[in-house]
Protein backbone atom coordinates (compact mmCIF):
# COMPACT_ATOMS: atom_id res chain seq x y z
CA MET A 1 95.69 25.78 90.93
CA ARG A 2 96.97 26.17 94.51
CA VAL A 3 99.27 29.20 94.65
CA LEU A 4 101.45 30.61 97.43
CA VAL A 5 102.84 34.12 97.06
CA ALA A 6 105.68 34.42 99.57
CA CYS A 7 106.86 37.69 101.09
CA GLU A 8 103.97 39.67 99.67
CA TYR A 9 102.10 42.13 101.87
CA SER A 10 100.37 44.06 99.07
CA GLY A 11 98.25 41.14 97.90
CA ARG A 12 98.42 42.18 94.25
CA VAL A 13 99.79 38.91 92.90
CA ARG A 14 97.64 36.79 95.22
CA GLN A 15 94.51 38.70 94.28
CA ALA A 16 95.28 38.53 90.55
CA PHE A 17 95.26 34.72 90.84
CA ARG A 18 92.16 34.68 93.07
CA ASP A 19 90.31 36.91 90.58
CA ARG A 20 90.91 34.18 88.00
CA GLY A 21 89.54 31.40 90.22
CA HIS A 22 92.74 30.04 91.75
CA ASP A 23 93.17 28.96 95.37
CA ALA A 24 95.83 31.59 96.11
CA TYR A 25 97.31 32.80 99.41
CA SER A 26 99.98 35.29 100.37
CA VAL A 27 102.33 35.11 103.34
CA ASP A 28 104.66 37.66 104.88
CA LEU A 29 106.58 37.46 108.13
CA TYR A 30 106.51 41.15 108.94
CA GLU A 31 103.31 42.53 107.51
CA ASP A 32 99.60 42.07 107.66
CA ALA A 33 97.92 42.18 104.25
CA GLU A 34 97.78 45.68 102.86
CA ASP A 35 94.35 44.93 101.42
CA GLY A 36 93.01 43.32 104.63
CA SER A 37 92.45 39.99 102.89
CA LEU A 38 91.56 36.83 104.78
CA TYR A 39 93.76 34.95 102.29
CA HIS A 40 96.95 36.40 103.73
CA TYR A 41 98.97 34.80 106.52
CA LYS A 42 101.34 36.67 108.78
CA ALA A 43 103.79 33.81 109.11
CA ASP A 44 107.13 32.37 108.05
CA ALA A 45 107.02 31.58 104.31
CA LEU A 46 109.30 28.57 104.72
CA SER A 47 106.95 27.10 107.35
CA MET A 48 104.05 27.51 104.93
CA ILE A 49 106.07 25.61 102.31
CA TYR A 50 107.89 22.97 104.34
CA ASP A 51 106.10 22.43 107.67
CA MET A 52 102.35 22.98 107.32
CA GLY A 53 101.58 19.99 105.13
CA TYR A 54 100.17 22.09 102.28
CA GLU A 55 100.91 21.10 98.71
CA TRP A 56 101.40 24.02 96.34
CA ASP A 57 101.24 23.97 92.52
CA LEU A 58 102.96 27.33 92.15
CA LEU A 59 105.20 29.43 94.39
CA ILE A 60 105.87 33.07 93.55
CA ALA A 61 108.43 34.48 95.96
CA HIS A 62 109.48 38.07 96.58
CA PRO A 63 112.32 37.70 99.13
CA PRO A 64 113.45 40.98 100.73
CA CYS A 65 116.12 42.58 98.56
CA THR A 66 117.70 44.74 101.29
CA ASP A 67 120.78 42.54 101.66
CA LEU A 68 120.87 41.32 98.06
CA ALA A 69 120.27 44.16 95.59
CA VAL A 70 123.27 45.70 93.85
CA SER A 71 121.73 49.13 94.48
CA GLY A 72 123.07 48.69 98.02
CA ALA A 73 126.48 47.32 96.99
CA ARG A 74 128.29 49.99 98.98
CA HIS A 75 127.03 48.20 102.12
CA PHE A 76 127.92 44.65 101.01
CA LYS A 77 131.10 44.47 103.09
CA ALA A 78 129.20 45.12 106.33
CA LYS A 79 126.38 42.78 105.30
CA GLN A 80 128.86 40.02 104.57
CA ALA A 81 130.77 40.60 107.81
CA ASP A 82 127.72 40.26 110.05
CA GLY A 83 126.17 37.39 108.07
CA ARG A 84 123.07 39.23 106.80
CA GLN A 85 123.89 38.63 103.18
CA GLN A 86 124.57 34.93 103.67
CA ARG A 87 121.28 34.50 105.57
CA ALA A 88 119.44 36.27 102.74
CA LEU A 89 121.06 33.98 100.16
CA GLU A 90 120.19 30.89 102.22
CA PHE A 91 116.57 32.04 102.29
CA VAL A 92 116.61 32.47 98.51
CA LYS A 93 118.10 28.97 98.08
CA ALA A 94 115.42 27.46 100.34
CA LEU A 95 112.72 29.13 98.25
CA LEU A 96 114.24 28.00 94.94
CA ASP A 97 114.67 24.45 96.29
CA ALA A 98 111.12 24.25 97.62
CA PRO A 99 109.17 21.06 96.82
CA VAL A 100 106.87 22.94 94.45
CA PRO A 101 106.70 22.02 90.74
CA ARG A 102 106.55 25.62 89.50
CA ILE A 103 108.51 28.46 91.09
CA ALA A 104 109.16 32.11 90.22
CA LEU A 105 111.46 34.11 92.47
CA GLU A 106 111.47 37.86 91.89
CA ASN A 107 114.21 40.32 92.90
CA PRO A 108 115.94 43.35 91.43
CA VAL A 109 119.41 43.01 89.93
CA SER A 110 121.25 41.37 92.80
CA ILE A 111 124.02 39.08 93.99
CA ILE A 112 121.70 36.13 93.45
CA SER A 113 123.02 36.21 89.86
CA THR A 114 126.60 35.52 90.96
CA ALA A 115 126.07 33.58 94.20
CA ILE A 116 123.37 31.18 92.93
CA ARG A 117 122.67 31.55 89.20
CA LYS A 118 121.73 34.05 86.53
CA PRO A 119 118.04 34.94 86.24
CA ASP A 120 115.92 33.26 83.60
CA GLN A 121 114.30 36.54 82.59
CA ILE A 122 114.52 40.27 83.27
CA ILE A 123 111.30 42.23 82.88
CA GLN A 124 110.36 45.91 83.13
CA PRO A 125 107.06 47.55 84.17
CA TRP A 126 106.84 49.29 80.76
CA MET A 127 106.40 45.82 79.21
CA PHE A 128 103.15 45.39 81.15
CA GLY A 129 101.37 48.76 80.83
CA HIS A 130 103.29 50.95 83.29
CA GLY A 131 105.42 53.80 81.91
CA GLU A 132 108.26 53.18 84.33
CA THR A 133 111.62 51.45 84.51
CA LYS A 134 112.51 48.97 87.23
CA ALA A 135 114.55 45.98 86.12
CA THR A 136 113.04 42.92 87.77
CA CYS A 137 114.80 39.56 87.57
CA LEU A 138 112.92 36.27 87.58
CA TRP A 139 114.50 32.94 88.55
CA MET A 140 112.10 30.22 87.46
CA LYS A 141 111.48 26.50 87.64
CA GLY A 142 108.82 24.79 85.49
CA LEU A 143 107.50 28.09 84.12
CA PRO A 144 107.72 29.81 80.74
CA LYS A 145 109.02 33.35 80.45
CA LEU A 146 106.41 36.06 80.80
CA VAL A 147 105.31 37.55 77.50
CA PRO A 148 104.90 41.35 77.49
CA THR A 149 101.23 42.34 77.48
CA ASP A 150 101.25 46.11 76.89
CA ILE A 151 104.49 47.85 75.89
CA VAL A 152 104.20 51.57 76.64
CA ASP A 153 106.26 54.71 76.17
CA GLY A 154 107.05 57.34 78.79
CA ARG A 155 109.59 55.27 80.66
CA GLU A 156 110.46 56.98 83.92
CA ALA A 157 112.65 55.79 86.82
CA ARG A 158 110.02 56.82 89.40
CA VAL A 159 110.85 54.07 91.90
CA HIS A 160 114.54 54.96 91.84
CA ARG A 161 113.74 58.62 92.56
CA MET A 162 111.35 58.10 95.48
CA ALA A 163 112.02 60.44 98.37
CA PRO A 164 113.05 58.96 101.72
CA SER A 165 110.10 58.05 103.95
CA PRO A 166 109.12 55.43 106.52
CA THR A 167 107.18 53.53 103.82
CA ARG A 168 109.71 53.91 101.01
CA TRP A 169 110.75 50.25 101.17
CA LYS A 170 107.11 49.17 100.82
CA ASP A 171 106.38 51.58 98.01
CA ARG A 172 109.49 50.47 96.11
CA SER A 173 108.77 46.76 96.48
CA ARG A 174 105.06 46.72 95.59
CA THR A 175 104.41 44.59 92.48
CA TYR A 176 103.01 46.48 89.50
CA GLN A 177 99.44 45.43 88.74
CA GLY A 178 100.22 44.73 85.07
CA ILE A 179 102.95 42.27 86.06
CA ALA A 180 100.70 40.58 88.65
CA ASP A 181 97.95 40.20 86.03
CA ALA A 182 100.39 38.79 83.46
CA MET A 183 101.60 36.20 85.98
CA ALA A 184 98.04 35.15 86.80
CA VAL A 185 96.89 34.96 83.19
CA GLN A 186 99.98 33.32 81.71
CA TRP A 187 101.06 31.03 84.54
CA GLY A 188 97.55 30.36 85.84
CA ASN A 189 96.55 28.92 82.48
CA LEU A 190 99.22 26.21 82.51
CA GLU A 191 97.95 22.64 82.60
CA SER A 192 97.63 21.17 86.07
CA LEU A 193 100.35 18.77 87.07
């Protein structure tokens, strides 16, 4: 299966698919691959989808949540006034409308739910082996819901309580390994189109 993981610098989802034999690549406009992989492109995700002539079987997108997440609702008025929020929503729409047969778009609880549509599924890290809470919404096309793989106790809001730092945004947005593995195992085993 040919997989593109958009807006991913950590490489966790891409590598989970590669470890299972898939032709997977990650792309991020702002970051080089955290793991130094040769299968990561520092480029515009939409160009990789629409302009490069590649055909993808699966797109997993992690658009930046800065202008979308309800955790920053107190700033929505300013983000609407200067157009940031509308640009973020247009990016989400372009990803969801991509000419790819299977799509999963991941974001925290956000205005995507009211501006575009409700998510198809909401998952938590504790459903996939991590004793933490972090509601993660999935908007999907052509994919089944993820089935929990390892429900654990000790649910802590660690991500919510992270101290301010220059890398806080990266640390908060990094995909949990258990979720990346579940995506690769469950969605990577679907019949080819």
